[in-house]
Amino acid sequence: MKRCLLLLIILINVGTALNAQKNKEKLSFKCSMLDENGTLWLGTNGAGLWKIQGSSVEPHSLIGHSPSSNIYSMTLDRQGHLWLTTDKGLMEFDYNQWKPRYWSADGPANAAKMSPVMQQNQHAIGISVNHLDHALLSVQDNSTKKRSLVYFDGSRYSELAGNFEADVVYEDLDAITWMGNGGYKLENGKFKSVIKLPMGLITCAMQDESGDVWLGIDGPGIYRYNGIELKYYSNDHGFNDLRVTSIHQDKNGKIWMATDNLKSDGDQGVSYFEAGLFHHLQDAVECPITSVNTIASDKKGNVWFAGDNGSLVRFNGRGFATIVIPATSVQ
């Protein structure tokens, strides 16, 4: 009898461990953003929206969304409102309430102004809302996988390009929109090329405190644009064919980036730029996370690295700490 009871306890413990591992694997962080109230938001693939306040990491409910919702990208507008692209469409948070901006299965209210491809099975995978009078979206059709570039003026959607390959759209403070293989300006409803990258497609973009725009590409290396000159950092700067998929500047001016990690093919590692030099952290002791999809800072200046399988690491300026998320937190 005691043997049977012991075996039952072992089986229960094994089952609990397997469920915890399964839940952890469901939690895949894909994007992040710090809002003006100091809350750090994390979007996931399949586990909805999460938030970090202090040392607390917990899921956050979105009205009309299931806990298993996909969050594809997020950004802040000039009012400080948080915008999300989700599998239910656009969401705007003005610190009082979440406002859905999604189109229905039959398309948005002005469906007549849009191509048929935008009227069903759509989700936005990239967004830029730096200017209050509009947002730019990279929208993918779920059935054909084709993408469109869409303009949103706050109430109406209109398609600017029906054959759009980029999944990243970033508008800097000079109204240059970075996407695909370069920078463009929107004039009279059409994009005019301002600068073209010699090689590579943009995978991420960020404007630093000095106004320089940093552009990660699909490999290798990264570009830096100061408004006049485009500088390319590649293998001569230690990238060794690494591609950059996420980029972020912390409050001390250090620019962090997620890169291919040499020690494990297919994973993402961490690099940073400081005082004119790149540092590529390939040692797990230096940074105990290899699968990095997104980087952000909290109001205390901690830098957070998040990735697949619930991977979450905090850097406080001196060392890295792995954050363990309880399996019960994953719905």
Foldseek 3Di string as FASTA:
>chain_A
DVVVVVVVVVVVVVVVVVLLLVLLQLWFWFEWDQFPVQKIWTFTQQQGIWIDDPNDIFHDDAPPDDRGKGWQYWDAEPLRWIWTWTQQGIWIHPPPHIDHPGADQQGAPVCVQEDPQRNHQKTFREWERHDPQWMWTWMARPPPRATFIWIGRPRDIHTLGRGFDWNYWYQAPVRWIAFFFATWHADPSHTDGDDGHPDFTFQEWDQFPLRWIKTWGPWDFIWIHPPPDIDTDGVVQPRVTKTWREWDAFPVGKIKTWIQAPVDGPWTFIWIDDPRHIGGDNDCQQPVGTHFNYWDAGPLRWIWTGGGSNWIWIHNPPGIDTDDDGSVSRD
